[in-house]
Amino acid sequence: MEDKSANKKNEGSTNSEFTSVTAGKNLNQSTPDSVSTKPVKPEEKPFSEFILDHLIPDLTNSLTRKGFPPKSLTLKSGERPVIGGNCWMLVCEISSNRLFWVCFSSDNIKSSKTICLSETPIASTIESFLIDEKRITGPLIISRILQRLNGQKWLGSN
């Protein structure tokens, strides 16, 4: 005797396979023709590309909208202010006496970060930056920078 439930099961899979095969191509299999290419998120781009092409222009626009266009905003590698050690730094001069550095311990936006603030050419305050965040994005970095600068009362009174 034949097991009819097994046949039904096989018929169902055959039918679903049949319906997903179109013009000789199985749509359930990934082929170059059927792969949809999603645009790469800015945060998934190489570090310097993300910083130079996305973070710097967006941060410049955000600071300018707040009425504080940066005099300079650059990415450089060098010695971390206050505590030393090599790192990548986003260095911003808001006015002649206000500077901040966002330091990345490596060329990865997910690496540990610090923010340094100063009202002289030498950094005097250093703090951990974005230590509890699991997903780091450009808008998150910018919002936290603005939040920290606002807390310092550099963007006007609170």
Protein backbone atom coordinates (compact mmCIF):
# COMPACT_ATOMS: atom_id res chain seq x y z
CA MET A 1 0.00 0.00 0.00
CA GLU A 2 1.17 3.47 -0.84
CA ASP A 3 1.38 6.29 1.70
CA LYS A 4 -0.90 9.01 0.26
CA SER A 5 0.27 11.69 2.71
CA ALA A 6 3.84 11.26 1.45
CA ASN A 7 2.63 11.59 -2.13
CA LYS A 8 0.67 14.72 -1.25
CA LYS A 9 3.76 16.15 0.39
CA ASN A 10 5.91 15.40 -2.65
CA GLU A 11 3.23 16.74 -4.99
CA GLY A 12 3.19 19.98 -3.03
CA SER A 13 6.95 20.42 -3.24
CA THR A 14 6.95 19.50 -6.92
CA ASN A 15 4.20 22.04 -7.59
CA SER A 16 6.00 24.78 -5.68
CA GLU A 17 9.24 23.95 -7.48
CA PHE A 18 7.38 23.95 -10.78
CA THR A 19 5.79 27.33 -10.12
CA SER A 20 9.11 28.88 -9.12
CA VAL A 21 10.85 27.75 -12.31
CA THR A 22 10.40 30.28 -15.06
CA ALA A 23 12.05 30.18 -18.48
CA GLY A 24 14.48 27.51 -17.35
CA LYS A 25 15.64 29.46 -14.27
CA ASN A 26 14.87 28.51 -10.69
CA LEU A 27 14.00 31.77 -8.96
CA ASN A 28 14.78 30.27 -5.55
CA GLN A 29 18.45 29.92 -6.47
CA SER A 30 20.76 32.89 -6.41
CA THR A 31 22.17 33.64 -9.84
CA PRO A 32 23.87 36.75 -11.16
CA ASP A 33 20.66 37.58 -13.06
CA SER A 34 18.43 37.33 -10.01
CA VAL A 35 20.69 38.95 -7.39
CA SER A 36 19.37 42.31 -6.33
CA THR A 37 22.22 44.64 -5.55
CA LYS A 38 21.44 46.76 -2.55
CA PRO A 39 23.31 50.02 -2.23
CA VAL A 40 26.07 49.83 0.36
CA LYS A 41 25.19 51.70 3.54
CA PRO A 42 27.61 54.56 4.25
CA GLU A 43 28.66 52.89 7.52
CA GLU A 44 29.70 49.75 5.60
CA LYS A 45 32.07 51.67 3.33
CA PRO A 46 35.80 51.85 4.07
CA PHE A 47 36.58 54.08 7.05
CA SER A 48 38.18 57.01 5.22
CA GLU A 49 35.50 56.97 2.52
CA PHE A 50 32.75 57.05 5.14
CA ILE A 51 34.41 59.89 7.06
CA LEU A 52 35.41 62.00 4.04
CA ASP A 53 32.35 61.46 1.84
CA HIS A 54 29.60 61.27 4.45
CA LEU A 55 30.46 62.23 8.01
CA ILE A 56 32.44 65.42 7.35
CA PRO A 57 29.92 66.93 4.87
CA ASP A 58 26.94 65.97 7.06
CA LEU A 59 28.55 67.30 10.24
CA THR A 60 29.54 70.51 8.44
CA ASN A 61 25.91 70.96 7.31
CA SER A 62 24.58 70.25 10.82
CA LEU A 63 26.94 72.73 12.48
CA THR A 64 26.21 75.34 9.80
CA ARG A 65 22.43 74.95 10.30
CA LYS A 66 22.99 75.57 14.02
CA GLY A 67 24.84 78.80 13.14
CA PHE A 68 28.35 77.47 13.80
CA PRO A 69 30.01 76.70 10.46
CA PRO A 70 33.34 75.02 11.16
CA LYS A 71 36.51 76.92 10.31
CA SER A 72 38.10 73.53 9.60
CA LEU A 73 37.01 69.91 9.79
CA THR A 74 39.53 67.25 8.80
CA LEU A 75 40.45 63.60 9.23
CA LYS A 76 44.00 62.87 10.25
CA SER A 77 46.06 60.19 11.86
CA GLY A 78 48.28 61.12 14.77
CA GLU A 79 48.74 61.16 18.51
CA ARG A 80 45.53 61.20 20.55
CA PRO A 81 45.18 64.42 22.57
CA VAL A 82 45.63 64.27 26.36
CA ILE A 83 46.44 60.55 26.75
CA GLY A 84 48.63 59.84 23.70
CA GLY A 85 48.71 56.81 21.43
CA ASN A 86 48.14 56.81 17.69
CA CYS A 87 44.60 57.06 16.41
CA TRP A 88 42.44 58.44 13.64
CA MET A 89 40.97 61.84 14.53
CA LEU A 90 38.17 63.94 13.19
CA VAL A 91 39.47 67.39 14.11
CA CYS A 92 37.08 70.35 14.07
CA GLU A 93 37.72 74.00 14.80
CA ILE A 94 34.42 75.77 15.43
CA SER A 95 35.93 79.14 16.28
CA SER A 96 39.42 80.40 16.99
CA ASN A 97 39.18 79.21 20.58
CA ARG A 98 36.92 76.13 20.36
CA LEU A 99 38.14 72.81 19.01
CA PHE A 100 37.06 69.23 19.34
CA TRP A 101 38.52 65.90 18.31
CA VAL A 102 36.59 62.66 17.83
CA CYS A 103 39.24 59.94 18.07
CA PHE A 104 38.89 56.41 16.69
CA SER A 105 41.30 53.82 18.06
CA SER A 106 41.53 52.20 14.61
CA ASP A 107 40.31 52.82 11.07
CA ASN A 108 36.90 51.37 11.86
CA ILE A 109 33.85 53.38 12.95
CA LYS A 110 32.99 50.60 15.39
CA SER A 111 36.33 50.91 17.19
CA SER A 112 36.50 52.55 20.61
CA LYS A 113 36.08 56.30 20.45
CA THR A 114 36.83 59.33 22.59
CA ILE A 115 35.90 62.97 22.25
CA CYS A 116 38.27 65.73 23.30
CA LEU A 117 37.25 69.34 23.83
CA SER A 118 39.28 72.49 24.23
CA GLU A 119 38.97 76.24 24.33
CA THR A 120 42.73 76.50 23.67
CA PRO A 121 44.80 74.84 20.93
CA ILE A 122 45.60 71.97 23.32
CA ALA A 123 42.85 69.53 24.34
CA SER A 124 41.99 69.69 28.01
CA THR A 125 38.96 67.39 28.33
CA ILE A 126 38.72 63.79 27.12
CA GLU A 127 35.71 61.50 27.46
CA SER A 128 34.61 58.12 26.17
CA PHE A 129 32.30 58.52 23.22
CA LEU A 130 29.49 56.20 22.03
CA ILE A 131 30.57 53.37 24.31
CA ASP A 132 27.15 51.74 24.78
CA GLU A 133 25.96 51.85 21.19
CA LYS A 134 25.75 48.58 19.28
CA ARG A 135 25.05 50.05 15.86
CA ILE A 136 27.12 53.06 14.87
CA THR A 137 25.75 55.26 12.09
CA GLY A 138 26.66 58.66 10.69
CA PRO A 139 23.51 60.34 12.03
CA LEU A 140 24.16 58.82 15.48
CA ILE A 141 27.74 60.12 15.56
CA ILE A 142 26.59 63.58 14.48
CA SER A 143 23.72 63.75 16.97
CA ARG A 144 26.01 62.75 19.86
CA ILE A 145 28.66 65.29 18.81
CA LEU A 146 26.01 68.02 18.71
CA GLN A 147 24.62 66.83 22.04
CA ARG A 148 28.08 66.99 23.62
CA LEU A 149 28.84 70.43 22.16
CA ASN A 150 25.44 71.67 23.36
CA GLY A 151 26.22 70.31 26.83
CA GLN A 152 29.44 72.32 26.74
CA LYS A 153 27.25 75.33 25.81
CA TRP A 154 29.22 75.83 22.62
CA LEU A 155 26.08 75.89 20.47
CA GLY A 156 24.25 78.52 22.49
CA SER A 157 22.47 78.46 25.81
CA ASN A 158 20.51 75.33 26.72
